[in-house]
Every structure is written in structure tokens, then in C-alpha cells.
Amino acid sequence: MRSQVPFPPLHTDPRQMDQPADLGPLFHRLNNQLGIILANAELLEAKLTDDASSSRASQIVSSAVEAISAVRDIRSNFRDK
């Protein structure tokens, strides 16, 4: 199923291409969305009774945790530069 939520437009001003972008708000939004995915997947995982569905929910939980970790790593790499 495809999401009906539109992606926000990317605003790129050519005059600002050489300036470092403030990615803090982007990382914050991404972490918030991943947190919502993680929380809902954990709720599903706890409520599901059949093994196949529970396994799928567990995969979502693991992937969300890995994605949150990746966002933290990327953010720390940008801070170091």
C-alpha cells in the first residue's frame, strides 16, 4: 500500500549550495518518525498471537532500532566536520 502523505518539497537556493546546511531539524523529524514506527511496531509485536505476524513485527522493530542508530551515527559525523 502506498502512503497518501506527500513528501515536502525540497527548497534549494543555488546561492546557498556552498553553505553548510543546518540538518538538525531534519534529524529531529526523522528521529520522531522512526520513534513512532518503533513504538507502534512494539505494540503490534506485543499484541499479535500468530508467529508469522509476530516475526514481521519483530523485524520492523529491529529495523527501526537500526535506522535510529544510523541517524545518530550520521548526525555525529556531520557534527565532527
PDB file of N, CA and C in Angstrom:
ATOM      1  N   MET A   1       0.843  -1.175   0.000  1.00  0.00           N
ATOM      2  CA  MET A   1       0.000   0.000   0.000  1.00  0.00           C
ATOM      3  C   MET A   1       0.884   1.233   0.000  1.00  0.00           C
ATOM      4  N   ARG A   2       0.594   2.153  -0.839  1.00  0.00           N
ATOM      5  CA  ARG A   2       1.375   3.371  -0.967  1.00  0.00           C
ATOM      6  C   ARG A   2       0.821   4.455  -0.047  1.00  0.00           C
ATOM      7  N   SER A   3       1.723   5.172   0.603  1.00  0.00           N
ATOM      8  CA  SER A   3       1.326   6.229   1.529  1.00  0.00           C
ATOM      9  C   SER A   3       0.670   7.382   0.783  1.00  0.00           C
ATOM     10  N   GLN A   4      -0.341   7.948   1.387  1.00  0.00           N
ATOM     11  CA  GLN A   4      -1.016   9.104   0.811  1.00  0.00           C
ATOM     12  C   GLN A   4      -0.428  10.419   1.322  1.00  0.00           C
ATOM     13  N   VAL A   5       0.594  10.326   2.172  1.00  0.00           N
ATOM     14  CA  VAL A   5       1.218  11.515   2.739  1.00  0.00           C
ATOM     15  C   VAL A   5       2.244  12.043   1.742  1.00  0.00           C
ATOM     16  N   PRO A   6       2.070  13.280   1.266  1.00  0.00           N
ATOM     17  CA  PRO A   6       3.038  13.813   0.297  1.00  0.00           C
ATOM     18  C   PRO A   6       4.346  14.194   0.980  1.00  0.00           C
ATOM     19  N   PHE A   7       5.434  14.022   0.245  1.00  0.00           N
ATOM     20  CA  PHE A   7       6.725  14.453   0.753  1.00  0.00           C
ATOM     21  C   PHE A   7       6.825  15.964   0.626  1.00  0.00           C
ATOM     22  N   PRO A   8       7.424  16.638   1.608  1.00  0.00           N
ATOM     23  CA  PRO A   8       7.570  18.093   1.496  1.00  0.00           C
ATOM     24  C   PRO A   8       8.531  18.427   0.366  1.00  0.00           C
ATOM     25  N   PRO A   9       8.296  19.538  -0.320  1.00  0.00           N
ATOM     26  CA  PRO A   9       9.183  19.903  -1.425  1.00  0.00           C
ATOM     27  C   PRO A   9      10.568  20.280  -0.913  1.00  0.00           C
ATOM     28  N   LEU A  10      11.563  19.992  -1.715  1.00  0.00           N
ATOM     29  CA  LEU A  10      12.927  20.383  -1.376  1.00  0.00           C
ATOM     30  C   LEU A  10      13.157  21.787  -1.904  1.00  0.00           C
ATOM     31  N   HIS A  11      13.526  22.683  -1.032  1.00  0.00           N
ATOM     32  CA  HIS A  11      13.791  24.065  -1.423  1.00  0.00           C
ATOM     33  C   HIS A  11      15.297  24.243  -1.526  1.00  0.00           C
ATOM     34  N   THR A  12      15.780  24.366  -2.734  1.00  0.00           N
ATOM     35  CA  THR A  12      17.207  24.521  -2.943  1.00  0.00           C
ATOM     36  C   THR A  12      17.469  25.870  -3.594  1.00  0.00           C
ATOM     37  N   ASP A  13      18.131  26.718  -2.863  1.00  0.00           N
ATOM     38  CA  ASP A  13      18.533  28.018  -3.379  1.00  0.00           C
ATOM     39  C   ASP A  13      19.971  27.890  -3.853  1.00  0.00           C
ATOM     40  N   PRO A  14      20.230  28.088  -5.148  1.00  0.00           N
ATOM     41  CA  PRO A  14      21.596  27.918  -5.666  1.00  0.00           C
ATOM     42  C   PRO A  14      22.628  28.773  -4.942  1.00  0.00           C
ATOM     43  N   ARG A  15      22.214  29.897  -4.382  1.00  0.00           N
ATOM     44  CA  ARG A  15      23.166  30.763  -3.674  1.00  0.00           C
ATOM     45  C   ARG A  15      23.620  30.148  -2.364  1.00  0.00           C
ATOM     46  N   GLN A  16      22.885  29.182  -1.847  1.00  0.00           N
ATOM     47  CA  GLN A  16      23.222  28.574  -0.567  1.00  0.00           C
ATOM     48  C   GLN A  16      23.884  27.211  -0.714  1.00  0.00           C
ATOM     49  N   MET A  17      24.212  26.805  -1.917  1.00  0.00           N
ATOM     50  CA  MET A  17      24.767  25.475  -2.144  1.00  0.00           C
ATOM     51  C   MET A  17      26.128  25.292  -1.477  1.00  0.00           C
ATOM     52  N   ASP A  18      26.925  26.355  -1.353  1.00  0.00           N
ATOM     53  CA  ASP A  18      28.247  26.244  -0.749  1.00  0.00           C
ATOM     54  C   ASP A  18      28.215  26.372   0.769  1.00  0.00           C
ATOM     55  N   GLN A  19      27.091  26.753   1.322  1.00  0.00           N
ATOM     56  CA  GLN A  19      26.983  26.929   2.761  1.00  0.00           C
ATOM     57  C   GLN A  19      26.555  25.610   3.407  1.00  0.00           C
ATOM     58  N   PRO A  20      27.107  25.295   4.586  1.00  0.00           N
ATOM     59  CA  PRO A  20      26.686  24.061   5.254  1.00  0.00           C
ATOM     60  C   PRO A  20      25.217  24.154   5.665  1.00  0.00           C
ATOM     61  N   ALA A  21      24.495  23.096   5.438  1.00  0.00           N
ATOM     62  CA  ALA A  21      23.072  23.076   5.773  1.00  0.00           C
ATOM     63  C   ALA A  21      22.892  22.775   7.261  1.00  0.00           C
ATOM     64  N   ASP A  22      21.873  23.373   7.845  1.00  0.00           N
ATOM     65  CA  ASP A  22      21.513  23.048   9.223  1.00  0.00           C
ATOM     66  C   ASP A  22      20.609  21.821   9.167  1.00  0.00           C
ATOM     67  N   LEU A  23      21.206  20.670   9.423  1.00  0.00           N
ATOM     68  CA  LEU A  23      20.468  19.421   9.314  1.00  0.00           C
ATOM     69  C   LEU A  23      19.808  19.003  10.622  1.00  0.00           C
ATOM     70  N   GLY A  24      19.986  19.793  11.668  1.00  0.00           N
ATOM     71  CA  GLY A  24      19.388  19.460  12.958  1.00  0.00           C
ATOM     72  C   GLY A  24      17.888  19.219  12.887  1.00  0.00           C
ATOM     73  N   PRO A  25      17.123  20.135  12.273  1.00  0.00           N
ATOM     74  CA  PRO A  25      15.677  19.908  12.180  1.00  0.00           C
ATOM     75  C   PRO A  25      15.320  18.645  11.384  1.00  0.00           C
ATOM     76  N   LEU A  26      16.095  18.356  10.361  1.00  0.00           N
ATOM     77  CA  LEU A  26      15.839  17.151   9.574  1.00  0.00           C
ATOM     78  C   LEU A  26      16.078  15.894  10.409  1.00  0.00           C
ATOM     79  N   PHE A  27      17.191  15.861  11.146  1.00  0.00           N
ATOM     80  CA  PHE A  27      17.472  14.717  12.009  1.00  0.00           C
ATOM     81  C   PHE A  27      16.394  14.572  13.084  1.00  0.00           C
ATOM     82  N   HIS A  28      15.938  15.690  13.610  1.00  0.00           N
ATOM     83  CA  HIS A  28      14.890  15.673  14.638  1.00  0.00           C
ATOM     84  C   HIS A  28      13.601  15.064  14.085  1.00  0.00           C
ATOM     85  N   ARG A  29      13.191  15.524  12.904  1.00  0.00           N
ATOM     86  CA  ARG A  29      11.970  15.000  12.279  1.00  0.00           C
ATOM     87  C   ARG A  29      12.102  13.514  11.980  1.00  0.00           C
ATOM     88  N   LEU A  30      13.267  13.124  11.463  1.00  0.00           N
ATOM     89  CA  LEU A  30      13.490  11.722  11.132  1.00  0.00           C
ATOM     90  C   LEU A  30      13.438  10.848  12.386  1.00  0.00           C
ATOM     91  N   ASN A  31      14.082  11.305  13.455  1.00  0.00           N
ATOM     92  CA  ASN A  31      14.033  10.564  14.718  1.00  0.00           C
ATOM     93  C   ASN A  31      12.610  10.450  15.251  1.00  0.00           C
ATOM     94  N   ASN A  32      11.844  11.527  15.149  1.00  0.00           N
ATOM     95  CA  ASN A  32      10.453  11.480  15.608  1.00  0.00           C
ATOM     96  C   ASN A  32       9.652  10.436  14.841  1.00  0.00           C
ATOM     97  N   GLN A  33       9.793  10.428  13.519  1.00  0.00           N
ATOM     98  CA  GLN A  33       9.048   9.476  12.703  1.00  0.00           C
ATOM     99  C   GLN A  33       9.479   8.038  12.983  1.00  0.00           C
ATOM    100  N   LEU A  34      10.778   7.827  13.133  1.00  0.00           N
ATOM    101  CA  LEU A  34      11.266   6.485  13.450  1.00  0.00           C
ATOM    102  C   LEU A  34      10.791   6.037  14.828  1.00  0.00           C
ATOM    103  N   GLY A  35      10.712   6.969  15.761  1.00  0.00           N
ATOM    104  CA  GLY A  35      10.204   6.644  17.092  1.00  0.00           C
ATOM    105  C   GLY A  35       8.747   6.204  17.052  1.00  0.00           C
ATOM    106  N   ILE A  36       7.963   6.852  16.214  1.00  0.00           N
ATOM    107  CA  ILE A  36       6.553   6.471  16.060  1.00  0.00           C
ATOM    108  C   ILE A  36       6.449   5.075  15.453  1.00  0.00           C
ATOM    109  N   ILE A  37       7.255   4.816  14.432  1.00  0.00           N
ATOM    110  CA  ILE A  37       7.265   3.487  13.811  1.00  0.00           C
ATOM    111  C   ILE A  37       7.663   2.435  14.836  1.00  0.00           C
ATOM    112  N   LEU A  38       8.714   2.719  15.593  1.00  0.00           N
ATOM    113  CA  LEU A  38       9.195   1.772  16.600  1.00  0.00           C
ATOM    114  C   LEU A  38       8.126   1.491  17.657  1.00  0.00           C
ATOM    115  N   ALA A  39       7.520   2.535  18.179  1.00  0.00           N
ATOM    116  CA  ALA A  39       6.512   2.358  19.234  1.00  0.00           C
ATOM    117  C   ALA A  39       5.326   1.535  18.743  1.00  0.00           C
ATOM    118  N   ASN A  40       4.847   1.831  17.548  1.00  0.00           N
ATOM    119  CA  ASN A  40       3.706   1.085  17.020  1.00  0.00           C
ATOM    120  C   ASN A  40       4.071  -0.354  16.687  1.00  0.00           C
ATOM    121  N   ALA A  41       5.274  -0.579  16.195  1.00  0.00           N
ATOM    122  CA  ALA A  41       5.715  -1.944  15.910  1.00  0.00           C
ATOM    123  C   ALA A  41       5.839  -2.751  17.201  1.00  0.00           C
ATOM    124  N   GLU A  42       6.322  -2.112  18.260  1.00  0.00           N
ATOM    125  CA  GLU A  42       6.416  -2.800  19.554  1.00  0.00           C
ATOM    126  C   GLU A  42       5.030  -3.150  20.095  1.00  0.00           C
ATOM    127  N   LEU A  43       4.070  -2.244  19.916  1.00  0.00           N
ATOM    128  CA  LEU A  43       2.698  -2.540  20.340  1.00  0.00           C
ATOM    129  C   LEU A  43       2.129  -3.721  19.555  1.00  0.00           C
ATOM    130  N   LEU A  44       2.346  -3.706  18.237  1.00  0.00           N
ATOM    131  CA  LEU A  44       1.885  -4.822  17.413  1.00  0.00           C
ATOM    132  C   LEU A  44       2.528  -6.132  17.843  1.00  0.00           C
ATOM    133  N   GLU A  45       3.838  -6.073  18.048  1.00  0.00           N
ATOM    134  CA  GLU A  45       4.592  -7.265  18.434  1.00  0.00           C
ATOM    135  C   GLU A  45       4.027  -7.872  19.726  1.00  0.00           C
ATOM    136  N   ALA A  46       3.652  -7.022  20.665  1.00  0.00           N
ATOM    137  CA  ALA A  46       3.131  -7.497  21.949  1.00  0.00           C
ATOM    138  C   ALA A  46       1.720  -8.073  21.830  1.00  0.00           C
ATOM    139  N   LYS A  47       0.935  -7.562  20.877  1.00  0.00           N
ATOM    140  CA  LYS A  47      -0.464  -7.980  20.772  1.00  0.00           C
ATOM    141  C   LYS A  47      -0.692  -9.148  19.818  1.00  0.00           C
ATOM    142  N   LEU A  48       0.208  -9.345  18.871  1.00  0.00           N
ATOM    143  CA  LEU A  48      -0.007 -10.391  17.872  1.00  0.00           C
ATOM    144  C   LEU A  48       0.170 -11.774  18.485  1.00  0.00           C
ATOM    145  N   THR A  49      -0.652 -12.697  18.025  1.00  0.00           N
ATOM    146  CA  THR A  49      -0.592 -14.050  18.571  1.00  0.00           C
ATOM    147  C   THR A  49      -0.023 -15.069  17.592  1.00  0.00           C
ATOM    148  N   ASP A  50      -0.158 -14.819  16.283  1.00  0.00           N
ATOM    149  CA  ASP A  50       0.385 -15.799  15.347  1.00  0.00           C
ATOM    150  C   ASP A  50       1.863 -15.514  15.085  1.00  0.00           C
ATOM    151  N   ASP A  51       2.624 -16.570  14.918  1.00  0.00           N
ATOM    152  CA  ASP A  51       4.082 -16.468  14.812  1.00  0.00           C
ATOM    153  C   ASP A  51       4.547 -15.671  13.597  1.00  0.00           C
ATOM    154  N   ALA A  52       3.898 -15.849  12.456  1.00  0.00           N
ATOM    155  CA  ALA A  52       4.335 -15.165  11.234  1.00  0.00           C
ATOM    156  C   ALA A  52       4.204 -13.649  11.382  1.00  0.00           C
ATOM    157  N   SER A  53       3.065 -13.202  11.873  1.00  0.00           N
ATOM    158  CA  SER A  53       2.854 -11.762  12.049  1.00  0.00           C
ATOM    159  C   SER A  53       3.755 -11.202  13.136  1.00  0.00           C
ATOM    160  N   SER A  54       3.926 -11.945  14.201  1.00  0.00           N
ATOM    161  CA  SER A  54       4.803 -11.510  15.285  1.00  0.00           C
ATOM    162  C   SER A  54       6.242 -11.380  14.801  1.00  0.00           C
ATOM    163  N   SER A  55       6.651 -12.301  13.951  1.00  0.00           N
ATOM    164  CA  SER A  55       8.001 -12.248  13.385  1.00  0.00           C
ATOM    165  C   SER A  55       8.180 -11.015  12.505  1.00  0.00           C
ATOM    166  N   ARG A  56       7.161 -10.695  11.731  1.00  0.00           N
ATOM    167  CA  ARG A  56       7.224  -9.494  10.878  1.00  0.00           C
ATOM    168  C   ARG A  56       7.299  -8.226  11.731  1.00  0.00           C
ATOM    169  N   ALA A  57       6.513  -8.172  12.781  1.00  0.00           N
ATOM    170  CA  ALA A  57       6.557  -7.012  13.678  1.00  0.00           C
ATOM    171  C   ALA A  57       7.925  -6.902  14.335  1.00  0.00           C
ATOM    172  N   SER A  58       8.502  -8.025  14.691  1.00  0.00           N
ATOM    173  CA  SER A  58       9.836  -8.037  15.289  1.00  0.00           C
ATOM    174  C   SER A  58      10.885  -7.511  14.314  1.00  0.00           C
ATOM    175  N   GLN A  59      10.730  -7.851  13.033  1.00  0.00           N
ATOM    176  CA  GLN A  59      11.649  -7.333  12.012  1.00  0.00           C
ATOM    177  C   GLN A  59      11.523  -5.819  11.879  1.00  0.00           C
ATOM    178  N   ILE A  60      10.304  -5.315  11.982  1.00  0.00           N
ATOM    179  CA  ILE A  60      10.098  -3.862  11.921  1.00  0.00           C
ATOM    180  C   ILE A  60      10.766  -3.194  13.114  1.00  0.00           C
ATOM    181  N   VAL A  61      10.613  -3.776  14.296  1.00  0.00           N
ATOM    182  CA  VAL A  61      11.249  -3.230  15.499  1.00  0.00           C
ATOM    183  C   VAL A  61      12.761  -3.186  15.316  1.00  0.00           C
ATOM    184  N   SER A  62      13.343  -4.288  14.880  1.00  0.00           N
ATOM    185  CA  SER A  62      14.799  -4.345  14.690  1.00  0.00           C
ATOM    186  C   SER A  62      15.268  -3.326  13.661  1.00  0.00           C
ATOM    187  N   SER A  63      14.535  -3.211  12.568  1.00  0.00           N
ATOM    188  CA  SER A  63      14.913  -2.262  11.519  1.00  0.00           C
ATOM    189  C   SER A  63      14.791  -0.820  11.992  1.00  0.00           C
ATOM    190  N   ALA A  64      13.758  -0.523  12.762  1.00  0.00           N
ATOM    191  CA  ALA A  64      13.592   0.834  13.284  1.00  0.00           C
ATOM    192  C   ALA A  64      14.721   1.185  14.242  1.00  0.00           C
ATOM    193  N   VAL A  65      15.108   0.240  15.094  1.00  0.00           N
ATOM    194  CA  VAL A  65      16.219   0.476  16.023  1.00  0.00           C
ATOM    195  C   VAL A  65      17.515   0.714  15.245  1.00  0.00           C
ATOM    196  N   GLU A  66      17.753  -0.077  14.199  1.00  0.00           N
ATOM    197  CA  GLU A  66      18.944   0.116  13.368  1.00  0.00           C
ATOM    198  C   GLU A  66      18.910   1.468  12.664  1.00  0.00           C
ATOM    199  N   ALA A  67      17.737   1.872  12.178  1.00  0.00           N
ATOM    200  CA  ALA A  67      17.617   3.159  11.497  1.00  0.00           C
ATOM    201  C   ALA A  67      17.870   4.318  12.459  1.00  0.00           C
ATOM    202  N   ILE A  68      17.361   4.221  13.676  1.00  0.00           N
ATOM    203  CA  ILE A  68      17.610   5.261  14.682  1.00  0.00           C
ATOM    204  C   ILE A  68      19.099   5.355  14.974  1.00  0.00           C
ATOM    205  N   SER A  69      19.755   4.224  15.080  1.00  0.00           N
ATOM    206  CA  SER A  69      21.200   4.204  15.313  1.00  0.00           C
ATOM    207  C   SER A  69      21.953   4.822  14.138  1.00  0.00           C
ATOM    208  N   ALA A  70      21.513   4.523  12.923  1.00  0.00           N
ATOM    209  CA  ALA A  70      22.157   5.091  11.736  1.00  0.00           C
ATOM    210  C   ALA A  70      22.002   6.608  11.696  1.00  0.00           C
ATOM    211  N   VAL A  71      20.827   7.097  12.065  1.00  0.00           N
ATOM    212  CA  VAL A  71      20.603   8.548  12.101  1.00  0.00           C
ATOM    213  C   VAL A  71      21.542   9.194  13.111  1.00  0.00           C
ATOM    214  N   ARG A  72      21.710   8.567  14.265  1.00  0.00           N
ATOM    215  CA  ARG A  72      22.630   9.110  15.282  1.00  0.00           C
ATOM    216  C   ARG A  72      24.066   9.131  14.763  1.00  0.00           C
ATOM    217  N   ASP A  73      24.470   8.054  14.083  1.00  0.00           N
ATOM    218  CA  ASP A  73      25.828   7.997  13.526  1.00  0.00           C
ATOM    219  C   ASP A  73      26.045   9.080  12.477  1.00  0.00           C
ATOM    220  N   ILE A  74      25.080   9.239  11.588  1.00  0.00           N
ATOM    221  CA  ILE A  74      25.192  10.261  10.538  1.00  0.00           C
ATOM    222  C   ILE A  74      25.241  11.645  11.166  1.00  0.00           C
ATOM    223  N   ARG A  75      24.386  11.874  12.149  1.00  0.00           N
ATOM    224  CA  ARG A  75      24.360  13.187  12.807  1.00  0.00           C
ATOM    225  C   ARG A  75      25.698  13.479  13.482  1.00  0.00           C
ATOM    226  N   SER A  76      26.278  12.493  14.157  1.00  0.00           N
ATOM    227  CA  SER A  76      27.559  12.729  14.823  1.00  0.00           C
ATOM    228  C   SER A  76      28.668  12.955  13.804  1.00  0.00           C
ATOM    229  N   ASN A  77      28.600  12.298  12.648  1.00  0.00           N
ATOM    230  CA  ASN A  77      29.590  12.543  11.598  1.00  0.00           C
ATOM    231  C   ASN A  77      29.489  13.960  11.055  1.00  0.00           C
ATOM    232  N   PHE A  78      28.270  14.488  10.924  1.00  0.00           N
ATOM    233  CA  PHE A  78      28.101  15.858  10.448  1.00  0.00           C
ATOM    234  C   PHE A  78      28.588  16.862  11.489  1.00  0.00           C
ATOM    235  N   ARG A  79      28.422  16.543  12.759  1.00  0.00           N
ATOM    236  CA  ARG A  79      28.889  17.451  13.814  1.00  0.00           C
ATOM    237  C   ARG A  79      30.411  17.518  13.853  1.00  0.00           C
ATOM    238  N   ASP A  80      31.064  16.388  13.529  1.00  0.00           N
ATOM    239  CA  ASP A  80      32.523  16.327  13.583  1.00  0.00           C
ATOM    240  C   ASP A  80      33.189  17.111  12.463  1.00  0.00           C
ATOM    241  N   LYS A  81      32.441  17.434  11.434  1.00  0.00           N
ATOM    242  CA  LYS A  81      33.043  18.131  10.279  1.00  0.00           C
ATOM    243  C   LYS A  81      32.949  19.619  10.395  1.00  0.00           C
TER     244      LYS A  81
END
